[in-house]
Amino acid sequence: MATLRIGSRGSQLALWQANHISALIRARGHEVEIEIIHTTGDKITDVALAMVGTKGMFTKEIEEALAANRVDLAVHSLKDLPTELPPGFEIAAITERQDPRDAFCSRHYASFQELPHGARVGTSSLRRQAQLKAVRPDLDIHPLRGNVDTRLRKLEQGEYDAIILASAGLKRLGKTELVKQIIPAEIMCPAAGQGALGIEIREGDDATREHLEFLNDPVARAATTCERALLNRLGGGCQVPIGAFAEIKNGKLHLESIVADPDGSKLLRDSRDGDDPVKLGNDAGSALLARGGDEILEAVYGHGLAVPRSHSLQP
């Protein structure tokens, strides 16, 4: 059987993901090697992600290793993968999805509703900040960077009253002790692709694609394709105040999506059903833009809160 080389970031969560996929591939009889690759996003730890441009921030160096034939596949958190891949790459599989929702973590409070007036909450996500501010405008939101352990340690040391993290990453790492609430998607719409892993390969590498075909989950693929189509229609990367959550309901694909002002003062919501994932995402994106989403996003970029896709790190 083939030896397959996986390119992965070096964080604890990224390595969990790479080892998880590696174990599944090994179970099919293949040899697997993992190469750790440090990305731009791993090196910039003192600036909010939204401020530095995020297209390819966690993927560019790994794609360079793919292109140079140093690795055969890359395992990404799908929400880190730009909606438009550079020429020469494709997504071979999207795995079965873990819980896509966000988790409220705290030492003293059971939910964000119970936080006292002016409580300090940590998140560097404009999407999370905007939705939190929409329901709790009194909260004091502060940036929070670093890997999962670093963020949890800052919470435990009392730097924050609460922090918001992706439920999926905490569950994968078994670090759920401080999770007090899984925030309903109706209150905090997740990021496009959150909870799913995307397996990227060189475009046209038929042999590797065939080896990895068993990893692809059709339900997760349809849902995340829809979410990423919406994100692409809105022209946003993973750090803009856009949420998208698609799931199968009554045999149809149902998409909930939001665009919000970072201060929570304006939140546009769209809810619709469809059969074609890309069309559904595009239609929802167009509707949100027409209702004022374009003005919100232009203001976000204009105030330097996030960098438009055209100004991002990767050409």
Protein backbone atom coordinates (compact mmCIF):
# COMPACT_ATOMS: atom_id res chain seq x y z
CA MET A 1 0.00 0.00 0.00
CA ALA A 2 1.00 3.63 -0.48
CA THR A 3 2.90 5.76 2.02
CA LEU A 4 0.98 8.99 2.50
CA ARG A 5 2.63 12.10 3.95
CA ILE A 6 0.43 14.51 5.90
CA GLY A 7 1.27 18.19 6.29
CA SER A 8 -0.01 19.73 9.51
CA ARG A 9 0.38 22.78 11.69
CA GLY A 10 2.17 22.12 14.96
CA SER A 11 -0.50 23.14 17.46
CA GLN A 12 -1.93 20.54 19.80
CA LEU A 13 -5.30 20.64 18.04
CA ALA A 14 -3.79 20.48 14.55
CA LEU A 15 -1.70 17.47 15.54
CA TRP A 16 -4.75 15.78 17.10
CA GLN A 17 -6.53 16.25 13.77
CA ALA A 18 -3.56 14.98 11.75
CA ASN A 19 -3.15 11.94 13.99
CA HIS A 20 -6.89 11.24 13.86
CA ILE A 21 -6.83 11.19 10.05
CA SER A 22 -3.57 9.25 10.10
CA ALA A 23 -5.14 6.51 12.23
CA LEU A 24 -8.10 6.20 9.85
CA ILE A 25 -5.75 5.95 6.84
CA ARG A 26 -3.50 3.43 8.59
CA ALA A 27 -6.54 1.29 9.33
CA ARG A 28 -6.93 0.95 5.54
CA GLY A 29 -3.42 -0.50 5.32
CA HIS A 30 -1.37 2.55 4.34
CA GLU A 31 1.83 3.84 5.88
CA VAL A 32 1.52 7.44 7.08
CA GLU A 33 4.07 10.13 7.95
CA ILE A 34 3.26 13.53 9.48
CA GLU A 35 5.35 16.61 8.73
CA ILE A 36 4.86 19.64 10.98
CA ILE A 37 4.80 22.92 9.05
CA HIS A 38 4.79 26.32 10.78
CA THR A 39 2.40 28.79 9.16
CA THR A 40 2.20 32.57 9.18
CA GLY A 41 -0.80 32.41 11.50
CA ASP A 42 1.23 30.41 14.02
CA LYS A 43 4.01 33.01 14.01
CA ILE A 44 1.79 36.08 14.50
CA THR A 45 0.42 35.70 18.00
CA ASP A 46 0.23 39.25 19.33
CA VAL A 47 -2.20 40.76 16.81
CA ALA A 48 -5.91 40.02 16.36
CA LEU A 49 -6.31 37.80 13.30
CA ALA A 50 -8.91 40.07 11.78
CA MET A 51 -6.34 42.89 11.64
CA VAL A 52 -3.71 41.12 9.59
CA GLY A 53 -5.61 39.47 6.76
CA THR A 54 -6.35 35.80 6.93
CA LYS A 55 -6.57 34.33 3.46
CA GLY A 56 -4.13 31.47 3.56
CA MET A 57 -2.79 32.54 6.93
CA PHE A 58 -2.91 28.98 8.29
CA THR A 59 -2.55 27.21 4.94
CA LYS A 60 -0.07 28.97 2.63
CA GLU A 61 3.12 27.25 3.84
CA ILE A 62 1.38 23.87 3.90
CA GLU A 63 0.22 24.38 0.31
CA GLU A 64 3.78 25.23 -0.67
CA ALA A 65 4.87 21.87 0.77
CA LEU A 66 2.08 20.16 -1.20
CA ALA A 67 3.12 21.91 -4.41
CA ALA A 68 6.76 20.91 -3.83
CA ASN A 69 5.68 17.28 -3.36
CA ARG A 70 7.02 17.20 0.21
CA VAL A 71 3.61 16.07 1.48
CA ASP A 72 0.66 14.35 -0.22
CA LEU A 73 -2.23 15.78 1.79
CA ALA A 74 -2.97 18.50 4.31
CA VAL A 75 -5.42 18.27 7.19
CA HIS A 76 -7.07 21.61 7.96
CA SER A 77 -9.80 22.89 10.22
CA LEU A 78 -12.17 23.67 7.37
CA LYS A 79 -12.96 27.13 8.75
CA ASP A 80 -9.26 28.06 8.26
CA LEU A 81 -9.32 27.09 4.58
CA PRO A 82 -10.05 29.98 2.20
CA THR A 83 -13.27 29.60 0.22
CA GLU A 84 -11.29 29.89 -3.02
CA LEU A 85 -8.29 27.58 -3.09
CA PRO A 86 -5.24 28.72 -5.06
CA PRO A 87 -4.83 27.06 -8.49
CA GLY A 88 -3.38 23.58 -8.24
CA PHE A 89 -5.22 22.37 -5.14
CA GLU A 90 -8.51 20.66 -4.34
CA ILE A 91 -10.47 19.41 -1.34
CA ALA A 92 -10.40 15.63 -1.55
CA ALA A 93 -12.63 15.02 1.47
CA ILE A 94 -14.63 16.76 4.17
CA THR A 95 -14.92 14.55 7.22
CA GLU A 96 -17.89 13.80 9.43
CA ARG A 97 -18.59 16.95 11.39
CA GLN A 98 -18.08 17.44 15.11
CA ASP A 99 -20.42 19.86 16.94
CA PRO A 100 -20.17 23.14 14.95
CA ARG A 101 -21.42 25.38 17.77
CA ASP A 102 -19.46 27.70 20.06
CA ALA A 103 -18.76 26.93 23.71
CA PHE A 104 -19.01 29.34 26.64
CA CYS A 105 -16.17 28.62 29.07
CA SER A 106 -15.99 30.08 32.56
CA ARG A 107 -14.87 29.25 36.09
CA HIS A 108 -17.71 30.99 37.90
CA TYR A 109 -20.67 31.51 35.57
CA ALA A 110 -23.02 28.91 34.09
CA SER A 111 -23.92 30.84 30.93
CA PHE A 112 -23.28 34.14 29.18
CA GLN A 113 -26.70 35.26 30.42
CA GLU A 114 -25.42 34.98 34.02
CA LEU A 115 -22.33 37.14 33.49
CA PRO A 116 -22.38 40.30 35.61
CA HIS A 117 -22.60 43.74 34.02
CA GLY A 118 -19.28 44.69 32.41
CA ALA A 119 -17.79 41.19 32.65
CA ARG A 120 -14.58 40.65 30.70
CA VAL A 121 -14.99 38.11 27.87
CA GLY A 122 -12.14 36.86 25.69
CA THR A 123 -12.44 36.28 21.94
CA SER A 124 -10.59 37.56 18.88
CA SER A 125 -13.47 36.62 16.59
CA LEU A 126 -15.53 39.53 15.28
CA ARG A 127 -18.32 37.03 14.56
CA ARG A 128 -18.49 35.92 18.20
CA GLN A 129 -18.05 39.45 19.50
CA ALA A 130 -20.85 40.85 17.34
CA GLN A 131 -23.38 38.21 18.33
CA LEU A 132 -22.45 38.38 22.00
CA LYS A 133 -22.78 42.18 21.95
CA ALA A 134 -26.16 41.89 20.23
CA VAL A 135 -27.62 40.13 23.28
CA ARG A 136 -25.28 41.53 25.96
CA PRO A 137 -24.11 45.01 24.90
CA ASP A 138 -22.78 45.64 28.41
CA LEU A 139 -20.03 43.02 28.19
CA ASP A 140 -16.37 44.04 27.89
CA ILE A 141 -14.90 42.06 24.97
CA HIS A 142 -11.11 41.65 24.88
CA PRO A 143 -8.80 39.99 22.31
CA LEU A 144 -7.72 36.41 22.98
CA ARG A 145 -5.05 34.70 20.89
CA GLY A 146 -3.01 31.54 21.35
CA ASN A 147 -3.67 27.82 21.21
CA VAL A 148 -6.46 26.18 23.19
CA ASP A 149 -4.25 25.51 26.24
CA THR A 150 -3.02 29.11 26.31
CA ARG A 151 -6.55 30.47 26.13
CA LEU A 152 -7.84 28.16 28.85
CA ARG A 153 -4.86 29.00 31.06
CA LYS A 154 -5.62 32.74 30.75
CA LEU A 155 -9.18 32.00 31.83
CA GLU A 156 -8.03 29.92 34.80
CA GLN A 157 -5.59 32.66 35.85
CA GLY A 158 -8.46 35.12 36.07
CA GLU A 159 -7.60 37.31 33.08
CA TYR A 160 -11.17 36.81 31.81
CA ASP A 161 -14.54 36.08 33.37
CA ALA A 162 -15.34 33.89 30.37
CA ILE A 163 -13.99 32.98 26.95
CA ILE A 164 -15.68 31.66 23.81
CA LEU A 165 -14.09 28.76 21.89
CA ALA A 166 -15.21 26.29 19.26
CA SER A 167 -16.92 23.33 20.90
CA ALA A 168 -15.37 20.92 18.38
CA GLY A 169 -11.77 21.67 19.30
CA LEU A 170 -12.43 21.36 23.02
CA LYS A 171 -14.21 18.03 22.55
CA ARG A 172 -11.44 16.67 20.31
CA LEU A 173 -8.79 17.54 22.89
CA GLY A 174 -10.91 16.35 25.82
CA LYS A 175 -10.68 19.79 27.44
CA THR A 176 -14.29 20.38 28.36
CA GLU A 177 -13.93 20.93 32.14
CA LEU A 178 -14.59 24.68 31.85
CA VAL A 179 -17.35 24.42 29.23
CA LYS A 180 -20.47 25.67 30.96
CA GLN A 181 -22.76 26.19 27.98
CA ILE A 182 -22.94 25.14 24.32
CA ILE A 183 -24.35 28.32 22.82
CA PRO A 184 -27.37 27.61 20.57
CA ALA A 185 -26.77 28.38 16.89
CA GLU A 186 -29.85 30.63 17.00
CA ILE A 187 -27.98 32.93 19.41
CA MET A 188 -24.45 32.51 18.08
CA CYS A 189 -24.35 31.37 14.47
CA PRO A 190 -21.14 29.34 13.93
CA ALA A 191 -18.37 30.10 11.46
CA ALA A 192 -18.65 28.55 8.00
CA GLY A 193 -17.13 25.07 8.14
CA GLN A 194 -16.66 25.05 11.92
CA GLY A 195 -16.33 21.54 13.33
CA ALA A 196 -15.36 19.89 10.02
CA LEU A 197 -11.94 18.88 8.72
CA GLY A 198 -10.94 19.57 5.12
CA ILE A 199 -8.43 17.27 3.44
CA GLU A 200 -6.51 19.15 0.75
CA ILE A 201 -4.45 17.56 -2.02
CA ARG A 202 -2.76 18.56 -5.27
CA GLU A 203 -5.32 19.07 -7.99
CA GLY A 204 -5.46 16.06 -10.29
CA ASP A 205 -3.71 13.69 -7.86
CA ASP A 206 -6.16 10.91 -8.63
CA ALA A 207 -4.31 8.20 -6.70
CA THR A 208 -4.29 10.14 -3.42
CA ARG A 209 -7.89 11.23 -3.92
CA GLU A 210 -8.97 7.61 -4.31
CA HIS A 211 -7.09 6.61 -1.15
CA LEU A 212 -8.88 9.34 0.80
CA GLU A 213 -12.36 8.97 -0.69
CA PHE A 214 -13.57 6.93 2.31
CA LEU A 215 -13.03 9.98 4.57
CA ASN A 216 -15.60 12.10 2.75
CA ASP A 217 -18.93 12.58 4.54
CA PRO A 218 -21.66 13.58 2.03
CA VAL A 219 -23.81 15.34 4.64
CA ALA A 220 -20.89 17.40 5.99
CA ARG A 221 -19.77 18.13 2.44
CA ALA A 222 -23.18 19.47 1.39
CA ALA A 223 -23.59 21.57 4.55
CA THR A 224 -20.12 23.11 4.50
CA THR A 225 -20.18 23.68 0.74
CA CYS A 226 -23.34 25.71 1.31
CA GLU A 227 -21.80 27.69 4.17
CA ARG A 228 -18.61 28.38 2.22
CA ALA A 229 -20.63 29.51 -0.82
CA LEU A 230 -22.34 32.08 1.39
CA LEU A 231 -19.00 33.26 2.79
CA ASN A 232 -17.56 33.51 -0.70
CA ARG A 233 -20.58 35.49 -1.93
CA LEU A 234 -20.05 37.96 0.90
CA GLY A 235 -16.36 38.22 0.10
CA GLY A 236 -15.33 37.37 3.63
CA GLY A 237 -12.53 35.39 5.19
CA CYS A 238 -12.77 33.48 8.45
CA GLN A 239 -12.30 36.56 10.65
CA VAL A 240 -15.18 38.78 9.51
CA PRO A 241 -18.54 39.06 11.37
CA ILE A 242 -20.30 36.45 9.23
CA GLY A 243 -21.95 33.28 10.52
CA ALA A 244 -23.27 30.34 8.51
CA PHE A 245 -24.78 27.07 9.67
CA ALA A 246 -26.34 24.54 7.30
CA GLU A 247 -27.95 21.23 8.23
CA ILE A 248 -30.35 18.71 6.74
CA LYS A 249 -33.91 19.32 7.98
CA ASN A 250 -36.89 17.33 6.70
CA GLY A 251 -34.88 16.14 3.71
CA LYS A 252 -33.88 19.68 2.70
CA LEU A 253 -30.74 21.68 3.29
CA HIS A 254 -31.52 24.48 5.77
CA LEU A 255 -29.17 27.47 6.06
CA GLU A 256 -29.08 30.00 8.88
CA SER A 257 -26.74 32.93 8.25
CA ILE A 258 -25.88 36.30 9.77
CA VAL A 259 -23.89 39.42 9.04
CA ALA A 260 -23.38 41.70 12.03
CA ASP A 261 -21.81 44.97 13.02
CA PRO A 262 -18.91 44.14 15.41
CA ASP A 263 -20.51 46.20 18.19
CA GLY A 264 -23.72 44.17 17.92
CA SER A 265 -25.84 47.23 17.06
CA LYS A 266 -26.99 45.75 13.77
CA LEU A 267 -27.46 42.07 13.04
CA LEU A 268 -28.92 40.79 9.76
CA ARG A 269 -30.25 37.25 9.76
CA ASP A 270 -31.33 35.02 6.88
CA SER A 271 -33.04 31.63 7.04
CA ARG A 272 -33.88 29.53 3.99
CA ASP A 273 -34.11 26.02 2.54
CA GLY A 274 -32.91 24.55 -0.73
CA ASP A 275 -31.56 21.52 -2.59
CA ASP A 276 -28.46 22.92 -4.29
CA PRO A 277 -25.79 23.79 -1.65
CA VAL A 278 -23.96 26.39 -3.76
CA LYS A 279 -27.14 28.11 -4.97
CA LEU A 280 -28.55 28.19 -1.45
CA GLY A 281 -25.40 29.81 -0.09
CA ASN A 282 -25.17 32.29 -2.95
CA ASP A 283 -28.85 33.26 -2.64
CA ALA A 284 -28.55 33.83 1.11
CA GLY A 285 -25.40 35.89 0.60
CA SER A 286 -27.07 38.05 -2.05
CA ALA A 287 -30.07 38.61 0.20
CA LEU A 288 -27.89 39.69 3.14
CA LEU A 289 -25.89 42.06 0.94
CA ALA A 290 -29.07 43.62 -0.44
CA ARG A 291 -30.44 44.19 3.06
CA GLY A 292 -27.40 46.15 4.22
CA GLY A 293 -24.72 43.51 4.65
CA ASP A 294 -22.56 45.32 2.11
CA GLU A 295 -22.60 48.48 4.25
CA ILE A 296 -21.71 46.54 7.39
CA LEU A 297 -18.77 44.79 5.73
CA GLU A 298 -17.51 47.98 4.07
CA ALA A 299 -17.54 49.68 7.47
CA VAL A 300 -15.67 46.78 9.07
CA TYR A 301 -12.95 46.98 6.43
CA GLY A 302 -12.98 50.78 6.44
CA HIS A 303 -12.32 50.91 10.18
CA GLY A 304 -9.45 48.44 9.85
CA LEU A 305 -11.22 45.84 11.99
CA ALA A 306 -10.62 43.22 9.33
CA VAL A 307 -8.69 43.05 6.10
CA PRO A 308 -10.60 42.51 2.84
CA ARG A 309 -9.78 39.33 0.99
CA SER A 310 -7.97 41.25 -1.77
CA HIS A 311 -5.50 42.66 0.77
CA SER A 312 -4.67 39.41 2.47
CA LEU A 313 -1.35 37.66 2.89
CA GLN A 314 -1.70 35.16 0.12
CA PRO A 315 -1.83 36.34 -3.50
